[in-house]
Amino acid sequence: MTAAPSASADESASGTNLPRWPRRPQRLATAVVGDLADRIVAGEYAAGSPLPGEPVLCERFGVSRITIREAVKALEAMRLVEIRQGAGTTVRAREDWNLLDQTVLGAVVAHDDDLGILDEIITLRSQLEGAMASRAATRLDEGHRAGLAGLLAQIDTATDDLDRYLDLDVAFHDVIMSASGSPLSRAIIATLNTQAFGSGPYIGTPTTADRKKSNVEHHAIFTALMAGDGDAASRAMSEHICQSWLRRRPGEQATAQRGKSPRERPGS
């Protein structure tokens, strides 16, 4: 939610730097949570610092104390803040945050200026999807086989259409995850992808040539799966996820470090 450019004298004096919203959002508590979570993740409220009190937040957002209490309780559930009786509400350290919460992860991805979180998402995807591809290789039924073959045929004709290619790519990966019979790993990947695919840097600006290279990797994954070779499927999937990211990762580092996994790059 974009805030107005100026703060009232009272707000400035209180040190909150929280200008009033230009209009009231419809889902008040949800909007308050999103705004405060973003400010915490951005570092506006440092770890160990107090969250502004209820009167200040009520004034800033133009909502009731009940709404503010609901929002702060939600922030507590996300482990962004700690509520102590008689001591107020304090911002928690980053290592305490629930990064699998969609609101928290979305804010962290939005403020991922050095791409460290996106690199970590790639590392996790590489590990989890590699393991799932290995399992899927010995569990594919005829429906999975037909589904993958059909999707691959469509991907072959979509490398010059970014939006269509992305949709088919996601579907191809999802069939493999479904075939693996690993619901928890699949749910974690879905959570990561929900926020990652909303990030411009994560999508990047891959060329048609980049997508064709990625699709060669899709074929390698498919061949290993059809052969029932779990080790080969795992390697092909992990390499595909890392190499695809390196081809589209923004900045000169992607070129300088091409061929290394995100974990191997210094500073990641």
C-alpha atoms as a PDB file:
ATOM      1  CA  MET A   1       0.000   0.000   0.000  1.00  0.00           C
ATOM      2  CA  THR A   2       1.541   3.361  -1.013  1.00  0.00           C
ATOM      3  CA  ALA A   3       1.592   5.876   1.794  1.00  0.00           C
ATOM      4  CA  ALA A   4       1.107   9.625   1.481  1.00  0.00           C
ATOM      5  CA  PRO A   5       4.392  11.571   1.223  1.00  0.00           C
ATOM      6  CA  SER A   6       4.103  13.592   4.429  1.00  0.00           C
ATOM      7  CA  ALA A   7       3.623  12.792   8.093  1.00  0.00           C
ATOM      8  CA  SER A   8       1.743  14.756  10.743  1.00  0.00           C
ATOM      9  CA  ALA A   9       3.654  16.647  13.425  1.00  0.00           C
ATOM     10  CA  ASP A  10       2.438  14.237  16.090  1.00  0.00           C
ATOM     11  CA  GLU A  11       3.629  11.209  14.098  1.00  0.00           C
ATOM     12  CA  SER A  12       7.013  12.799  13.412  1.00  0.00           C
ATOM     13  CA  ALA A  13       7.410  13.664  17.067  1.00  0.00           C
ATOM     14  CA  SER A  14       6.647  10.078  18.042  1.00  0.00           C
ATOM     15  CA  GLY A  15       9.381   8.857  15.699  1.00  0.00           C
ATOM     16  CA  THR A  16       7.076   6.534  13.794  1.00  0.00           C
ATOM     17  CA  ASN A  17       7.425   8.115  10.333  1.00  0.00           C
ATOM     18  CA  LEU A  18       4.038   6.644   9.476  1.00  0.00           C
ATOM     19  CA  PRO A  19       2.069   8.993   7.198  1.00  0.00           C
ATOM     20  CA  ARG A  20      -1.682   8.395   6.986  1.00  0.00           C
ATOM     21  CA  TRP A  21      -3.108   6.265   4.214  1.00  0.00           C
ATOM     22  CA  PRO A  22      -4.778   8.270   1.428  1.00  0.00           C
ATOM     23  CA  ARG A  23      -7.754   5.881   1.470  1.00  0.00           C
ATOM     24  CA  ARG A  24      -9.050   3.065   3.671  1.00  0.00           C
ATOM     25  CA  PRO A  25      -8.487  -0.411   2.203  1.00  0.00           C
ATOM     26  CA  GLN A  26     -11.371  -2.838   2.326  1.00  0.00           C
ATOM     27  CA  ARG A  27      -9.696  -5.661   4.276  1.00  0.00           C
ATOM     28  CA  LEU A  28      -8.352  -3.531   7.067  1.00  0.00           C
ATOM     29  CA  ALA A  29      -6.488  -6.017   9.275  1.00  0.00           C
ATOM     30  CA  THR A  30      -4.936  -7.765   6.267  1.00  0.00           C
ATOM     31  CA  ALA A  31      -3.787  -4.451   4.820  1.00  0.00           C
ATOM     32  CA  VAL A  32      -2.324  -3.338   8.155  1.00  0.00           C
ATOM     33  CA  VAL A  33      -0.442  -6.631   8.466  1.00  0.00           C
ATOM     34  CA  GLY A  34       0.968  -6.302   4.955  1.00  0.00           C
ATOM     35  CA  ASP A  35       2.088  -2.727   5.531  1.00  0.00           C
ATOM     36  CA  LEU A  36       3.742  -3.425   8.892  1.00  0.00           C
ATOM     37  CA  ALA A  37       5.343  -6.666   7.692  1.00  0.00           C
ATOM     38  CA  ASP A  38       6.869  -4.803   4.772  1.00  0.00           C
ATOM     39  CA  ARG A  39       8.228  -2.089   7.086  1.00  0.00           C
ATOM     40  CA  ILE A  40       9.731  -4.675   9.440  1.00  0.00           C
ATOM     41  CA  VAL A  41      11.384  -6.605   6.623  1.00  0.00           C
ATOM     42  CA  ALA A  42      12.669  -3.368   5.067  1.00  0.00           C
ATOM     43  CA  GLY A  43      14.367  -2.551   8.375  1.00  0.00           C
ATOM     44  CA  GLU A  44      12.259   0.458   9.251  1.00  0.00           C
ATOM     45  CA  TYR A  45      11.787  -1.235  12.617  1.00  0.00           C
ATOM     46  CA  ALA A  46      15.027  -2.900  13.650  1.00  0.00           C
ATOM     47  CA  ALA A  47      15.221  -6.146  15.583  1.00  0.00           C
ATOM     48  CA  GLY A  48      14.681  -5.470  19.261  1.00  0.00           C
ATOM     49  CA  SER A  49      12.922  -2.163  18.673  1.00  0.00           C
ATOM     50  CA  PRO A  50       9.344  -1.589  19.817  1.00  0.00           C
ATOM     51  CA  LEU A  51       6.451  -1.498  17.421  1.00  0.00           C
ATOM     52  CA  PRO A  52       4.527   1.788  17.696  1.00  0.00           C
ATOM     53  CA  GLY A  53       1.737   1.642  20.261  1.00  0.00           C
ATOM     54  CA  GLU A  54      -1.924   1.099  19.502  1.00  0.00           C
ATOM     55  CA  PRO A  55      -2.896   4.823  19.550  1.00  0.00           C
ATOM     56  CA  VAL A  56      -0.219   5.665  16.982  1.00  0.00           C
ATOM     57  CA  LEU A  57      -1.141   2.754  14.734  1.00  0.00           C
ATOM     58  CA  CYS A  58      -4.854   3.518  15.011  1.00  0.00           C
ATOM     59  CA  GLU A  59      -4.167   7.091  13.948  1.00  0.00           C
ATOM     60  CA  ARG A  60      -1.842   6.097  11.144  1.00  0.00           C
ATOM     61  CA  PHE A  61      -4.164   3.520   9.595  1.00  0.00           C
ATOM     62  CA  GLY A  62      -7.456   5.116  10.587  1.00  0.00           C
ATOM     63  CA  VAL A  63      -8.729   1.890  12.139  1.00  0.00           C
ATOM     64  CA  SER A  64      -9.978   0.693  15.508  1.00  0.00           C
ATOM     65  CA  ARG A  65      -7.941  -0.800  18.337  1.00  0.00           C
ATOM     66  CA  ILE A  66      -9.605  -4.139  17.643  1.00  0.00           C
ATOM     67  CA  THR A  67      -8.248  -4.105  14.072  1.00  0.00           C
ATOM     68  CA  ILE A  68      -4.766  -3.173  15.275  1.00  0.00           C
ATOM     69  CA  ARG A  69      -4.797  -5.937  17.882  1.00  0.00           C
ATOM     70  CA  GLU A  70      -5.872  -8.443  15.239  1.00  0.00           C
ATOM     71  CA  ALA A  71      -3.056  -7.297  12.956  1.00  0.00           C
ATOM     72  CA  VAL A  72      -0.413  -7.444  15.687  1.00  0.00           C
ATOM     73  CA  LYS A  73      -1.553 -10.942  16.639  1.00  0.00           C
ATOM     74  CA  ALA A  74      -1.079 -11.959  13.005  1.00  0.00           C
ATOM     75  CA  LEU A  75       2.435 -10.480  13.017  1.00  0.00           C
ATOM     76  CA  GLU A  76       3.141 -12.469  16.172  1.00  0.00           C
ATOM     77  CA  ALA A  77       1.986 -15.678  14.453  1.00  0.00           C
ATOM     78  CA  MET A  78       4.417 -14.881  11.633  1.00  0.00           C
ATOM     79  CA  ARG A  79       7.128 -14.513  14.268  1.00  0.00           C
ATOM     80  CA  LEU A  80       7.871 -10.984  13.119  1.00  0.00           C
ATOM     81  CA  VAL A  81       7.116  -9.557  16.560  1.00  0.00           C
ATOM     82  CA  GLU A  82       6.977 -10.729  20.147  1.00  0.00           C
ATOM     83  CA  ILE A  83       4.216  -9.591  22.489  1.00  0.00           C
ATOM     84  CA  ARG A  84       5.125  -9.433  26.162  1.00  0.00           C
ATOM     85  CA  GLN A  85       2.596  -8.595  28.817  1.00  0.00           C
ATOM     86  CA  GLY A  86       3.445  -5.197  30.225  1.00  0.00           C
ATOM     87  CA  ALA A  87       6.421  -4.726  27.896  1.00  0.00           C
ATOM     88  CA  GLY A  88       4.670  -4.005  24.605  1.00  0.00           C
ATOM     89  CA  THR A  89       5.420  -5.458  21.195  1.00  0.00           C
ATOM     90  CA  THR A  90       9.006  -5.918  20.027  1.00  0.00           C
ATOM     91  CA  VAL A  91      10.358  -6.721  16.577  1.00  0.00           C
ATOM     92  CA  ARG A  92      12.031 -10.112  16.426  1.00  0.00           C
ATOM     93  CA  ALA A  93      15.379 -10.943  14.824  1.00  0.00           C
ATOM     94  CA  ARG A  94      15.327 -12.001  11.176  1.00  0.00           C
ATOM     95  CA  GLU A  95      16.360 -15.564  11.999  1.00  0.00           C
ATOM     96  CA  ASP A  96      13.119 -15.958  13.985  1.00  0.00           C
ATOM     97  CA  TRP A  97      10.795 -15.000  11.122  1.00  0.00           C
ATOM     98  CA  ASN A  98       8.545 -17.629   9.551  1.00  0.00           C
ATOM     99  CA  LEU A  99       9.835 -17.372   6.002  1.00  0.00           C
ATOM    100  CA  LEU A 100       7.301 -19.907   4.753  1.00  0.00           C
ATOM    101  CA  ASP A 101       4.473 -17.547   5.613  1.00  0.00           C
ATOM    102  CA  GLN A 102       3.331 -16.010   2.334  1.00  0.00           C
ATOM    103  CA  THR A 103       3.223 -12.447   3.681  1.00  0.00           C
ATOM    104  CA  VAL A 104       6.697 -12.676   5.200  1.00  0.00           C
ATOM    105  CA  LEU A 105       8.224 -14.413   2.197  1.00  0.00           C
ATOM    106  CA  GLY A 106       6.611 -11.932  -0.179  1.00  0.00           C
ATOM    107  CA  ALA A 107       8.104  -9.004   1.734  1.00  0.00           C
ATOM    108  CA  VAL A 108      11.527 -10.656   1.947  1.00  0.00           C
ATOM    109  CA  VAL A 109      11.536 -11.356  -1.803  1.00  0.00           C
ATOM    110  CA  ALA A 110      10.423  -7.787  -2.515  1.00  0.00           C
ATOM    111  CA  HIS A 111      13.399  -6.432  -0.559  1.00  0.00           C
ATOM    112  CA  ASP A 112      15.911  -9.002  -1.851  1.00  0.00           C
ATOM    113  CA  ASP A 113      18.265  -6.416  -3.346  1.00  0.00           C
ATOM    114  CA  ASP A 114      21.286  -8.737  -3.488  1.00  0.00           C
ATOM    115  CA  LEU A 115      19.216 -11.701  -4.763  1.00  0.00           C
ATOM    116  CA  GLY A 116      20.368 -13.792  -1.818  1.00  0.00           C
ATOM    117  CA  ILE A 117      16.869 -15.088  -1.047  1.00  0.00           C
ATOM    118  CA  LEU A 118      16.182 -15.890  -4.695  1.00  0.00           C
ATOM    119  CA  ASP A 119      19.492 -17.755  -4.857  1.00  0.00           C
ATOM    120  CA  GLU A 120      18.452 -19.723  -1.778  1.00  0.00           C
ATOM    121  CA  ILE A 121      15.068 -20.498  -3.322  1.00  0.00           C
ATOM    122  CA  ILE A 122      16.891 -21.923  -6.333  1.00  0.00           C
ATOM    123  CA  THR A 123      19.122 -24.023  -4.078  1.00  0.00           C
ATOM    124  CA  LEU A 124      16.083 -25.401  -2.243  1.00  0.00           C
ATOM    125  CA  ARG A 125      14.237 -26.081  -5.474  1.00  0.00           C
ATOM    126  CA  SER A 126      17.272 -27.844  -6.892  1.00  0.00           C
ATOM    127  CA  GLN A 127      17.549 -30.095  -3.852  1.00  0.00           C
ATOM    128  CA  LEU A 128      13.857 -30.823  -3.344  1.00  0.00           C
ATOM    129  CA  GLU A 129      12.855 -31.166  -6.983  1.00  0.00           C
ATOM    130  CA  GLY A 130      15.951 -33.253  -7.681  1.00  0.00           C
ATOM    131  CA  ALA A 131      14.902 -35.658  -4.941  1.00  0.00           C
ATOM    132  CA  MET A 132      11.316 -35.671  -6.199  1.00  0.00           C
ATOM    133  CA  ALA A 133      12.446 -36.393  -9.761  1.00  0.00           C
ATOM    134  CA  SER A 134      14.398 -39.370  -8.439  1.00  0.00           C
ATOM    135  CA  ARG A 135      11.290 -40.711  -6.698  1.00  0.00           C
ATOM    136  CA  ALA A 136       9.076 -39.990  -9.691  1.00  0.00           C
ATOM    137  CA  ALA A 137      11.306 -42.046 -11.998  1.00  0.00           C
ATOM    138  CA  THR A 138      10.143 -45.244 -10.305  1.00  0.00           C
ATOM    139  CA  ARG A 139       6.555 -44.170  -9.667  1.00  0.00           C
ATOM    140  CA  LEU A 140       5.302 -42.844 -13.009  1.00  0.00           C
ATOM    141  CA  ASP A 141       1.996 -44.282 -14.154  1.00  0.00           C
ATOM    142  CA  GLU A 142       0.597 -44.082 -17.676  1.00  0.00           C
ATOM    143  CA  GLY A 143      -1.222 -40.866 -16.893  1.00  0.00           C
ATOM    144  CA  HIS A 144       1.996 -39.189 -15.747  1.00  0.00           C
ATOM    145  CA  ARG A 145       3.889 -40.459 -18.779  1.00  0.00           C
ATOM    146  CA  ALA A 146       1.246 -39.215 -21.184  1.00  0.00           C
ATOM    147  CA  GLY A 147       0.958 -35.907 -19.360  1.00  0.00           C
ATOM    148  CA  LEU A 148       4.696 -35.246 -19.478  1.00  0.00           C
ATOM    149  CA  ALA A 149       4.944 -36.243 -23.134  1.00  0.00           C
ATOM    150  CA  GLY A 150       2.055 -33.963 -24.050  1.00  0.00           C
ATOM    151  CA  LEU A 151       3.457 -31.020 -22.101  1.00  0.00           C
ATOM    152  CA  LEU A 152       6.913 -31.463 -23.589  1.00  0.00           C
ATOM    153  CA  ALA A 153       5.448 -31.439 -27.091  1.00  0.00           C
ATOM    154  CA  GLN A 154       3.673 -28.172 -26.283  1.00  0.00           C
ATOM    155  CA  ILE A 155       6.795 -26.643 -24.727  1.00  0.00           C
ATOM    156  CA  ASP A 156       8.685 -27.447 -27.928  1.00  0.00           C
ATOM    157  CA  THR A 157       6.358 -25.059 -29.782  1.00  0.00           C
ATOM    158  CA  ALA A 158       6.306 -22.355 -27.087  1.00  0.00           C
ATOM    159  CA  THR A 159       9.937 -21.292 -26.725  1.00  0.00           C
ATOM    160  CA  ASP A 160       9.227 -17.999 -28.520  1.00  0.00           C
ATOM    161  CA  ASP A 161       6.244 -17.168 -26.262  1.00  0.00           C
ATOM    162  CA  LEU A 162       7.409 -16.293 -22.726  1.00  0.00           C
ATOM    163  CA  ASP A 163       4.034 -16.409 -20.974  1.00  0.00           C
ATOM    164  CA  ARG A 164       2.929 -19.669 -22.570  1.00  0.00           C
ATOM    165  CA  TYR A 165       6.353 -21.210 -22.003  1.00  0.00           C
ATOM    166  CA  LEU A 166       6.275 -20.321 -18.288  1.00  0.00           C
ATOM    167  CA  ASP A 167       2.807 -21.810 -17.818  1.00  0.00           C
ATOM    168  CA  LEU A 168       3.792 -25.053 -19.533  1.00  0.00           C
ATOM    169  CA  ASP A 169       7.121 -25.171 -17.691  1.00  0.00           C
ATOM    170  CA  VAL A 170       5.369 -24.908 -14.324  1.00  0.00           C
ATOM    171  CA  ALA A 171       2.907 -27.623 -15.349  1.00  0.00           C
ATOM    172  CA  PHE A 172       5.754 -29.938 -16.465  1.00  0.00           C
ATOM    173  CA  HIS A 173       7.509 -29.593 -13.112  1.00  0.00           C
ATOM    174  CA  ASP A 174       4.242 -30.067 -11.223  1.00  0.00           C
ATOM    175  CA  VAL A 175       3.449 -33.383 -12.920  1.00  0.00           C
ATOM    176  CA  ILE A 176       6.851 -34.675 -11.811  1.00  0.00           C
ATOM    177  CA  MET A 177       6.318 -33.458  -8.258  1.00  0.00           C
ATOM    178  CA  SER A 178       2.860 -35.033  -8.191  1.00  0.00           C
ATOM    179  CA  ALA A 179       4.252 -38.344  -9.459  1.00  0.00           C
ATOM    180  CA  SER A 180       6.878 -38.342  -6.716  1.00  0.00           C
ATOM    181  CA  GLY A 181       4.283 -38.794  -3.980  1.00  0.00           C
ATOM    182  CA  SER A 182       5.994 -36.120  -1.835  1.00  0.00           C
ATOM    183  CA  PRO A 183       3.169 -33.808  -0.728  1.00  0.00           C
ATOM    184  CA  LEU A 184       5.182 -31.850   1.844  1.00  0.00           C
ATOM    185  CA  SER A 185       8.048 -31.104  -0.546  1.00  0.00           C
ATOM    186  CA  ARG A 186       5.541 -30.184  -3.240  1.00  0.00           C
ATOM    187  CA  ALA A 187       3.761 -27.793  -0.851  1.00  0.00           C
ATOM    188  CA  ILE A 188       7.055 -26.118   0.079  1.00  0.00           C
ATOM    189  CA  ILE A 189       7.913 -25.617  -3.589  1.00  0.00           C
ATOM    190  CA  ALA A 190       4.440 -24.193  -4.240  1.00  0.00           C
ATOM    191  CA  THR A 191       4.914 -21.701  -1.396  1.00  0.00           C
ATOM    192  CA  LEU A 192       8.307 -20.633  -2.705  1.00  0.00           C
ATOM    193  CA  ASN A 193       7.102 -20.349  -6.291  1.00  0.00           C
ATOM    194  CA  THR A 194       4.043 -18.290  -5.370  1.00  0.00           C
ATOM    195  CA  GLN A 195       6.271 -15.441  -4.234  1.00  0.00           C
ATOM    196  CA  ALA A 196       9.272 -16.043  -6.497  1.00  0.00           C
ATOM    197  CA  PHE A 197       7.199 -15.905  -9.679  1.00  0.00           C
ATOM    198  CA  GLY A 198       5.910 -12.503  -8.577  1.00  0.00           C
ATOM    199  CA  SER A 199       9.466 -11.177  -8.610  1.00  0.00           C
ATOM    200  CA  GLY A 200      10.744  -9.462 -11.728  1.00  0.00           C
ATOM    201  CA  PRO A 201      14.367 -10.435 -11.005  1.00  0.00           C
ATOM    202  CA  TYR A 202      13.349 -14.084 -10.594  1.00  0.00           C
ATOM    203  CA  ILE A 203      11.598 -14.186 -13.961  1.00  0.00           C
ATOM    204  CA  GLY A 204      14.420 -12.149 -15.488  1.00  0.00           C
ATOM    205  CA  THR A 205      14.584 -11.464 -19.204  1.00  0.00           C
ATOM    206  CA  PRO A 206      15.357 -14.851 -20.772  1.00  0.00           C
ATOM    207  CA  THR A 207      15.730 -14.882 -24.535  1.00  0.00           C
ATOM    208  CA  THR A 208      14.221 -17.401 -26.901  1.00  0.00           C
ATOM    209  CA  ALA A 209      17.681 -18.968 -27.096  1.00  0.00           C
ATOM    210  CA  ASP A 210      17.734 -19.277 -23.292  1.00  0.00           C
ATOM    211  CA  ARG A 211      14.349 -20.984 -23.309  1.00  0.00           C
ATOM    212  CA  LYS A 212      15.507 -23.398 -26.001  1.00  0.00           C
ATOM    213  CA  LYS A 213      18.508 -24.336 -23.848  1.00  0.00           C
ATOM    214  CA  SER A 214      16.197 -24.901 -20.886  1.00  0.00           C
ATOM    215  CA  ASN A 215      13.980 -27.064 -23.027  1.00  0.00           C
ATOM    216  CA  VAL A 216      16.925 -29.264 -24.006  1.00  0.00           C
ATOM    217  CA  GLU A 217      17.253 -29.837 -20.251  1.00  0.00           C
ATOM    218  CA  HIS A 218      13.529 -30.685 -20.051  1.00  0.00           C
ATOM    219  CA  HIS A 219      14.136 -33.400 -22.624  1.00  0.00           C
ATOM    220  CA  ALA A 220      17.043 -34.778 -20.571  1.00  0.00           C
ATOM    221  CA  ILE A 221      14.788 -34.941 -17.508  1.00  0.00           C
ATOM    222  CA  PHE A 222      12.043 -36.626 -19.538  1.00  0.00           C
ATOM    223  CA  THR A 223      14.439 -39.206 -20.987  1.00  0.00           C
ATOM    224  CA  ALA A 224      15.744 -40.138 -17.535  1.00  0.00           C
ATOM    225  CA  LEU A 225      12.220 -40.411 -16.144  1.00  0.00           C
ATOM    226  CA  MET A 226      11.018 -42.598 -18.995  1.00  0.00           C
ATOM    227  CA  ALA A 227      14.030 -44.864 -18.458  1.00  0.00           C
ATOM    228  CA  GLY A 228      13.220 -45.155 -14.768  1.00  0.00           C
ATOM    229  CA  ASP A 229      16.712 -43.866 -13.902  1.00  0.00           C
ATOM    230  CA  GLY A 230      16.272 -42.021 -10.612  1.00  0.00           C
ATOM    231  CA  ASP A 231      19.895 -40.874 -10.311  1.00  0.00           C
ATOM    232  CA  ALA A 232      19.944 -39.444 -13.823  1.00  0.00           C
ATOM    233  CA  ALA A 233      16.557 -37.773 -13.307  1.00  0.00           C
ATOM    234  CA  SER A 234      17.759 -36.160 -10.082  1.00  0.00           C
ATOM    235  CA  ARG A 235      20.943 -34.836 -11.696  1.00  0.00           C
ATOM    236  CA  ALA A 236      19.108 -33.571 -14.771  1.00  0.00           C
ATOM    237  CA  MET A 237      16.478 -31.777 -12.688  1.00  0.00           C
ATOM    238  CA  SER A 238      18.955 -30.165 -10.297  1.00  0.00           C
ATOM    239  CA  GLU A 239      21.214 -29.007 -13.122  1.00  0.00           C
ATOM    240  CA  HIS A 240      18.262 -27.673 -15.082  1.00  0.00           C
ATOM    241  CA  ILE A 241      16.973 -25.558 -12.201  1.00  0.00           C
ATOM    242  CA  CYS A 242      20.412 -24.073 -11.457  1.00  0.00           C
ATOM    243  CA  GLN A 243      21.429 -23.482 -15.073  1.00  0.00           C
ATOM    244  CA  SER A 244      18.079 -21.966 -16.001  1.00  0.00           C
ATOM    245  CA  TRP A 245      18.444 -19.486 -13.132  1.00  0.00           C
ATOM    246  CA  LEU A 246      22.003 -18.603 -14.132  1.00  0.00           C
ATOM    247  CA  ARG A 247      20.845 -17.838 -17.655  1.00  0.00           C
ATOM    248  CA  ARG A 248      18.249 -15.337 -16.451  1.00  0.00           C
ATOM    249  CA  ARG A 249      19.770 -14.064 -13.181  1.00  0.00           C
ATOM    250  CA  PRO A 250      20.096 -10.261 -13.372  1.00  0.00           C
ATOM    251  CA  GLY A 251      23.481  -8.576 -13.233  1.00  0.00           C
ATOM    252  CA  GLU A 252      27.021  -9.247 -14.335  1.00  0.00           C
ATOM    253  CA  GLN A 253      27.499 -11.880 -11.622  1.00  0.00           C
ATOM    254  CA  ALA A 254      25.322 -14.274 -13.599  1.00  0.00           C
ATOM    255  CA  THR A 255      27.793 -14.187 -16.474  1.00  0.00           C
ATOM    256  CA  ALA A 256      30.908 -14.199 -14.306  1.00  0.00           C
ATOM    257  CA  GLN A 257      29.672 -17.142 -12.262  1.00  0.00           C
ATOM    258  CA  ARG A 258      27.955 -19.107 -15.030  1.00  0.00           C
ATOM    259  CA  GLY A 259      28.259 -22.815 -14.470  1.00  0.00           C
ATOM    260  CA  LYS A 260      28.221 -22.624 -10.663  1.00  0.00           C
ATOM    261  CA  SER A 261      25.232 -23.317  -8.481  1.00  0.00           C
ATOM    262  CA  PRO A 262      23.816 -20.441  -6.367  1.00  0.00           C
ATOM    263  CA  ARG A 263      25.330 -22.023  -3.260  1.00  0.00           C
ATOM    264  CA  GLU A 264      28.799 -21.993  -4.844  1.00  0.00           C
ATOM    265  CA  ARG A 265      28.747 -18.311  -5.692  1.00  0.00           C
ATOM    266  CA  PRO A 266      30.502 -16.089  -3.184  1.00  0.00           C
ATOM    267  CA  GLY A 267      28.190 -13.962  -1.125  1.00  0.00           C
ATOM    268  CA  SER A 268      25.097 -16.062  -1.839  1.00  0.00           C
END
